[in-house]
Amino acid sequence: MTIRATDPDMGIVVLSQHNDPDYAMTLFRDGTQRLAYLLKQRVGEPAELIRAVREVADGGSVIDPEVVLSLVARSSQSEVSRLTSLTDREHDVLEQRAQGRTNAAVAAALCLSESSIEKYSTSIFAKLGLADKRTPPAVSAVLAYLDEQGRAKPL
């Protein structure tokens, strides 16, 4: 990405007309910080676009739920089987993230600090063996969770 090569701290919000999981994965190839991939139909509500811009400005990432569903359709069963190693609280955190919530929103929903959510997320990534994969760990974890819940629907 040319913008990131020039300014690695630049936040980027991509608005796409196409549900293209390959493009999303290319976008997140080098990490997820300060990146968002949204479908244009999702931003008809200004609050959704504002939420994504704020999340990116805070160093987070946002992926459109429809793109997540497309990614889930391609996810492997090997990641799903590892979900059994997660604690109940880790499942809670992962479930909240799968709903598209930010770390701050997850922390508020579960009455925890944001740093606790980050620690749980790190633990989730390690247990799922996602830390060294090309797919960003947060994306893979959410995909595995959604697939386990039977929410995977090919588009």
C-alpha atoms as a PDB file:
ATOM      1  CA  MET A   1       0.000   0.000   0.000  1.00  0.00           C
ATOM      2  CA  THR A   2       1.612   3.224  -1.183  1.00  0.00           C
ATOM      3  CA  ILE A   3       0.060   5.385   1.532  1.00  0.00           C
ATOM      4  CA  ARG A   4       1.423   3.155   4.295  1.00  0.00           C
ATOM      5  CA  ALA A   5       4.878   3.080   2.706  1.00  0.00           C
ATOM      6  CA  THR A   6       4.958   6.875   2.933  1.00  0.00           C
ATOM      7  CA  ASP A   7       3.232   7.237   6.319  1.00  0.00           C
ATOM      8  CA  PRO A   8       2.895   4.010   8.351  1.00  0.00           C
ATOM      9  CA  ASP A   9       0.720   5.727  10.978  1.00  0.00           C
ATOM     10  CA  MET A  10      -1.850   6.995   8.485  1.00  0.00           C
ATOM     11  CA  GLY A  11      -5.385   5.759   9.168  1.00  0.00           C
ATOM     12  CA  ILE A  12      -7.194   4.363   6.132  1.00  0.00           C
ATOM     13  CA  VAL A  13     -10.915   3.754   5.657  1.00  0.00           C
ATOM     14  CA  VAL A  14     -11.723   1.906   2.429  1.00  0.00           C
ATOM     15  CA  LEU A  15     -15.267   2.194   1.091  1.00  0.00           C
ATOM     16  CA  SER A  16     -15.960  -0.466  -1.498  1.00  0.00           C
ATOM     17  CA  GLN A  17     -18.924  -1.325  -3.634  1.00  0.00           C
ATOM     18  CA  HIS A  18     -17.784  -4.952  -3.785  1.00  0.00           C
ATOM     19  CA  ASN A  19     -17.701  -7.618  -1.102  1.00  0.00           C
ATOM     20  CA  ASP A  20     -14.185  -8.770  -1.887  1.00  0.00           C
ATOM     21  CA  PRO A  21     -12.564 -10.772   0.936  1.00  0.00           C
ATOM     22  CA  ASP A  22      -9.329 -11.105  -1.061  1.00  0.00           C
ATOM     23  CA  TYR A  23      -8.974  -7.342  -1.247  1.00  0.00           C
ATOM     24  CA  ALA A  24      -9.760  -7.039   2.469  1.00  0.00           C
ATOM     25  CA  MET A  25      -7.060  -9.589   3.295  1.00  0.00           C
ATOM     26  CA  THR A  26      -4.581  -7.748   1.081  1.00  0.00           C
ATOM     27  CA  LEU A  27      -5.443  -4.547   2.915  1.00  0.00           C
ATOM     28  CA  PHE A  28      -4.840  -6.216   6.302  1.00  0.00           C
ATOM     29  CA  ARG A  29      -1.786  -8.198   5.142  1.00  0.00           C
ATOM     30  CA  ASP A  30       0.713  -6.172   7.157  1.00  0.00           C
ATOM     31  CA  GLY A  31      -1.499  -5.683  10.209  1.00  0.00           C
ATOM     32  CA  THR A  32      -4.848  -4.255  11.125  1.00  0.00           C
ATOM     33  CA  GLN A  33      -3.968  -1.084  13.001  1.00  0.00           C
ATOM     34  CA  ARG A  34      -5.723   2.011  11.716  1.00  0.00           C
ATOM     35  CA  LEU A  35      -7.514   0.248   8.844  1.00  0.00           C
ATOM     36  CA  ALA A  36     -11.169  -0.196   7.900  1.00  0.00           C
ATOM     37  CA  TYR A  37     -12.845  -1.998   5.004  1.00  0.00           C
ATOM     38  CA  LEU A  38     -16.518  -1.093   4.641  1.00  0.00           C
ATOM     39  CA  LEU A  39     -19.107  -1.729   1.983  1.00  0.00           C
ATOM     40  CA  LYS A  40     -20.661   1.458   0.646  1.00  0.00           C
ATOM     41  CA  GLN A  41     -24.191   0.296   1.473  1.00  0.00           C
ATOM     42  CA  ARG A  42     -23.189   0.105   5.173  1.00  0.00           C
ATOM     43  CA  VAL A  43     -22.314   3.769   5.351  1.00  0.00           C
ATOM     44  CA  GLY A  44     -25.796   4.949   4.391  1.00  0.00           C
ATOM     45  CA  GLU A  45     -26.129   5.505   8.111  1.00  0.00           C
ATOM     46  CA  PRO A  46     -23.684   8.270   9.046  1.00  0.00           C
ATOM     47  CA  ALA A  47     -23.237   6.744  12.516  1.00  0.00           C
ATOM     48  CA  GLU A  48     -21.601   3.633  10.991  1.00  0.00           C
ATOM     49  CA  LEU A  49     -19.076   5.661   9.035  1.00  0.00           C
ATOM     50  CA  ILE A  50     -18.361   7.894  12.020  1.00  0.00           C
ATOM     51  CA  ARG A  51     -17.862   4.829  14.242  1.00  0.00           C
ATOM     52  CA  ALA A  52     -15.388   3.349  11.742  1.00  0.00           C
ATOM     53  CA  VAL A  53     -13.452   6.608  11.374  1.00  0.00           C
ATOM     54  CA  ARG A  54     -13.224   6.963  15.159  1.00  0.00           C
ATOM     55  CA  GLU A  55     -12.086   3.362  15.577  1.00  0.00           C
ATOM     56  CA  VAL A  56      -9.366   3.836  12.949  1.00  0.00           C
ATOM     57  CA  ALA A  57      -8.330   7.140  14.537  1.00  0.00           C
ATOM     58  CA  ASP A  58      -7.974   5.299  17.855  1.00  0.00           C
ATOM     59  CA  GLY A  59      -5.642   2.743  16.238  1.00  0.00           C
ATOM     60  CA  GLY A  60      -8.252   0.035  15.708  1.00  0.00           C
ATOM     61  CA  SER A  61      -9.694  -1.696  12.691  1.00  0.00           C
ATOM     62  CA  VAL A  62     -13.151  -2.330  11.281  1.00  0.00           C
ATOM     63  CA  ILE A  63     -14.284  -4.937   8.779  1.00  0.00           C
ATOM     64  CA  ASP A  64     -17.774  -4.861   7.319  1.00  0.00           C
ATOM     65  CA  PRO A  65     -19.867  -7.754   8.704  1.00  0.00           C
ATOM     66  CA  GLU A  66     -20.747  -8.905   5.175  1.00  0.00           C
ATOM     67  CA  VAL A  67     -17.056  -9.162   4.310  1.00  0.00           C
ATOM     68  CA  VAL A  68     -16.517 -11.138   7.520  1.00  0.00           C
ATOM     69  CA  LEU A  69     -19.261 -13.555   6.437  1.00  0.00           C
ATOM     70  CA  SER A  70     -17.547 -13.998   3.074  1.00  0.00           C
ATOM     71  CA  LEU A  71     -14.277 -14.724   4.835  1.00  0.00           C
ATOM     72  CA  VAL A  72     -16.016 -17.210   7.128  1.00  0.00           C
ATOM     73  CA  ALA A  73     -17.286 -19.126   4.129  1.00  0.00           C
ATOM     74  CA  ARG A  74     -13.652 -19.796   3.231  1.00  0.00           C
ATOM     75  CA  SER A  75     -12.288 -20.415   6.716  1.00  0.00           C
ATOM     76  CA  SER A  76     -10.872 -23.760   7.685  1.00  0.00           C
ATOM     77  CA  GLN A  77     -12.273 -26.205  10.224  1.00  0.00           C
ATOM     78  CA  SER A  78      -8.878 -26.555  11.900  1.00  0.00           C
ATOM     79  CA  GLU A  79      -9.248 -23.122  13.481  1.00  0.00           C
ATOM     80  CA  VAL A  80     -12.755 -23.945  14.695  1.00  0.00           C
ATOM     81  CA  SER A  81     -11.626 -27.065  16.568  1.00  0.00           C
ATOM     82  CA  ARG A  82      -9.154 -24.981  18.579  1.00  0.00           C
ATOM     83  CA  LEU A  83     -11.976 -22.855  20.002  1.00  0.00           C
ATOM     84  CA  THR A  84     -12.625 -25.544  22.589  1.00  0.00           C
ATOM     85  CA  SER A  85      -9.394 -24.494  24.337  1.00  0.00           C
ATOM     86  CA  LEU A  86     -10.758 -21.010  25.097  1.00  0.00           C
ATOM     87  CA  THR A  87     -12.027 -20.079  28.551  1.00  0.00           C
ATOM     88  CA  ASP A  88     -15.582 -18.861  29.020  1.00  0.00           C
ATOM     89  CA  ARG A  89     -14.343 -15.257  29.301  1.00  0.00           C
ATOM     90  CA  GLU A  90     -12.272 -15.613  26.131  1.00  0.00           C
ATOM     91  CA  HIS A  91     -15.398 -16.878  24.360  1.00  0.00           C
ATOM     92  CA  ASP A  92     -17.266 -13.824  25.681  1.00  0.00           C
ATOM     93  CA  VAL A  93     -14.600 -11.488  24.325  1.00  0.00           C
ATOM     94  CA  LEU A  94     -14.518 -13.279  20.976  1.00  0.00           C
ATOM     95  CA  GLU A  95     -18.306 -13.223  20.704  1.00  0.00           C
ATOM     96  CA  GLN A  96     -18.327  -9.465  21.287  1.00  0.00           C
ATOM     97  CA  ARG A  97     -15.617  -8.935  18.655  1.00  0.00           C
ATOM     98  CA  ALA A  98     -17.555 -11.097  16.212  1.00  0.00           C
ATOM     99  CA  GLN A  99     -20.411  -8.627  16.567  1.00  0.00           C
ATOM    100  CA  GLY A 100     -18.111  -5.917  15.251  1.00  0.00           C
ATOM    101  CA  ARG A 101     -17.514  -4.234  18.587  1.00  0.00           C
ATOM    102  CA  THR A 102     -14.361  -2.280  19.341  1.00  0.00           C
ATOM    103  CA  ASN A 103     -12.102  -3.072  22.303  1.00  0.00           C
ATOM    104  CA  ALA A 104     -13.687  -0.164  24.176  1.00  0.00           C
ATOM    105  CA  ALA A 105     -17.203  -1.435  23.475  1.00  0.00           C
ATOM    106  CA  VAL A 106     -16.250  -4.992  24.467  1.00  0.00           C
ATOM    107  CA  ALA A 107     -14.706  -3.684  27.681  1.00  0.00           C
ATOM    108  CA  ALA A 108     -17.862  -1.738  28.514  1.00  0.00           C
ATOM    109  CA  ALA A 109     -20.157  -4.680  27.706  1.00  0.00           C
ATOM    110  CA  LEU A 110     -18.148  -7.091  29.848  1.00  0.00           C
ATOM    111  CA  CYS A 111     -17.331  -4.576  32.620  1.00  0.00           C
ATOM    112  CA  LEU A 112     -13.590  -4.931  32.058  1.00  0.00           C
ATOM    113  CA  SER A 113     -10.768  -2.563  31.192  1.00  0.00           C
ATOM    114  CA  GLU A 114      -9.549  -2.153  27.620  1.00  0.00           C
ATOM    115  CA  SER A 115      -6.154  -3.521  28.657  1.00  0.00           C
ATOM    116  CA  SER A 116      -7.909  -6.675  29.928  1.00  0.00           C
ATOM    117  CA  ILE A 117      -9.613  -7.056  26.567  1.00  0.00           C
ATOM    118  CA  GLU A 118      -6.226  -6.716  24.834  1.00  0.00           C
ATOM    119  CA  LYS A 119      -4.769  -9.400  27.131  1.00  0.00           C
ATOM    120  CA  TYR A 120      -7.687 -11.737  26.470  1.00  0.00           C
ATOM    121  CA  SER A 121      -7.285 -11.106  22.735  1.00  0.00           C
ATOM    122  CA  THR A 122      -3.576 -11.969  22.879  1.00  0.00           C
ATOM    123  CA  SER A 123      -4.435 -15.179  24.722  1.00  0.00           C
ATOM    124  CA  ILE A 124      -7.124 -16.037  22.163  1.00  0.00           C
ATOM    125  CA  PHE A 125      -4.687 -15.522  19.285  1.00  0.00           C
ATOM    126  CA  ALA A 126      -2.058 -17.699  20.965  1.00  0.00           C
ATOM    127  CA  LYS A 127      -4.509 -20.520  21.740  1.00  0.00           C
ATOM    128  CA  LEU A 128      -5.847 -20.467  18.195  1.00  0.00           C
ATOM    129  CA  GLY A 129      -2.302 -20.482  16.796  1.00  0.00           C
ATOM    130  CA  LEU A 130      -2.931 -17.286  14.877  1.00  0.00           C
ATOM    131  CA  ALA A 131      -0.021 -15.103  15.874  1.00  0.00           C
ATOM    132  CA  ASP A 132       2.228 -16.095  12.965  1.00  0.00           C
ATOM    133  CA  LYS A 133      -0.327 -16.471  10.181  1.00  0.00           C
ATOM    134  CA  ARG A 134      -0.651 -14.144   7.232  1.00  0.00           C
ATOM    135  CA  THR A 135      -4.300 -13.480   8.106  1.00  0.00           C
ATOM    136  CA  PRO A 136      -4.489 -10.934  10.938  1.00  0.00           C
ATOM    137  CA  PRO A 137      -5.155 -12.743  14.235  1.00  0.00           C
ATOM    138  CA  ALA A 138      -8.246 -10.687  15.078  1.00  0.00           C
ATOM    139  CA  VAL A 139      -9.806 -11.541  11.724  1.00  0.00           C
ATOM    140  CA  SER A 140      -8.979 -15.249  11.991  1.00  0.00           C
ATOM    141  CA  ALA A 141     -10.320 -15.452  15.537  1.00  0.00           C
ATOM    142  CA  VAL A 142     -13.605 -13.835  14.589  1.00  0.00           C
ATOM    143  CA  LEU A 143     -13.876 -16.036  11.514  1.00  0.00           C
ATOM    144  CA  ALA A 144     -13.326 -19.179  13.555  1.00  0.00           C
ATOM    145  CA  TYR A 145     -15.912 -18.073  16.108  1.00  0.00           C
ATOM    146  CA  LEU A 146     -18.528 -17.203  13.503  1.00  0.00           C
ATOM    147  CA  ASP A 147     -17.955 -20.466  11.694  1.00  0.00           C
ATOM    148  CA  GLU A 148     -18.405 -22.419  14.938  1.00  0.00           C
ATOM    149  CA  GLN A 149     -21.675 -20.569  15.580  1.00  0.00           C
ATOM    150  CA  GLY A 150     -22.983 -21.598  12.170  1.00  0.00           C
ATOM    151  CA  ARG A 151     -23.151 -18.028  10.960  1.00  0.00           C
ATOM    152  CA  ALA A 152     -21.175 -18.715   7.816  1.00  0.00           C
ATOM    153  CA  LYS A 153     -23.306 -18.036   4.775  1.00  0.00           C
ATOM    154  CA  PRO A 154     -21.794 -17.918   1.312  1.00  0.00           C
ATOM    155  CA  LEU A 155     -22.802 -14.723  -0.451  1.00  0.00           C
END
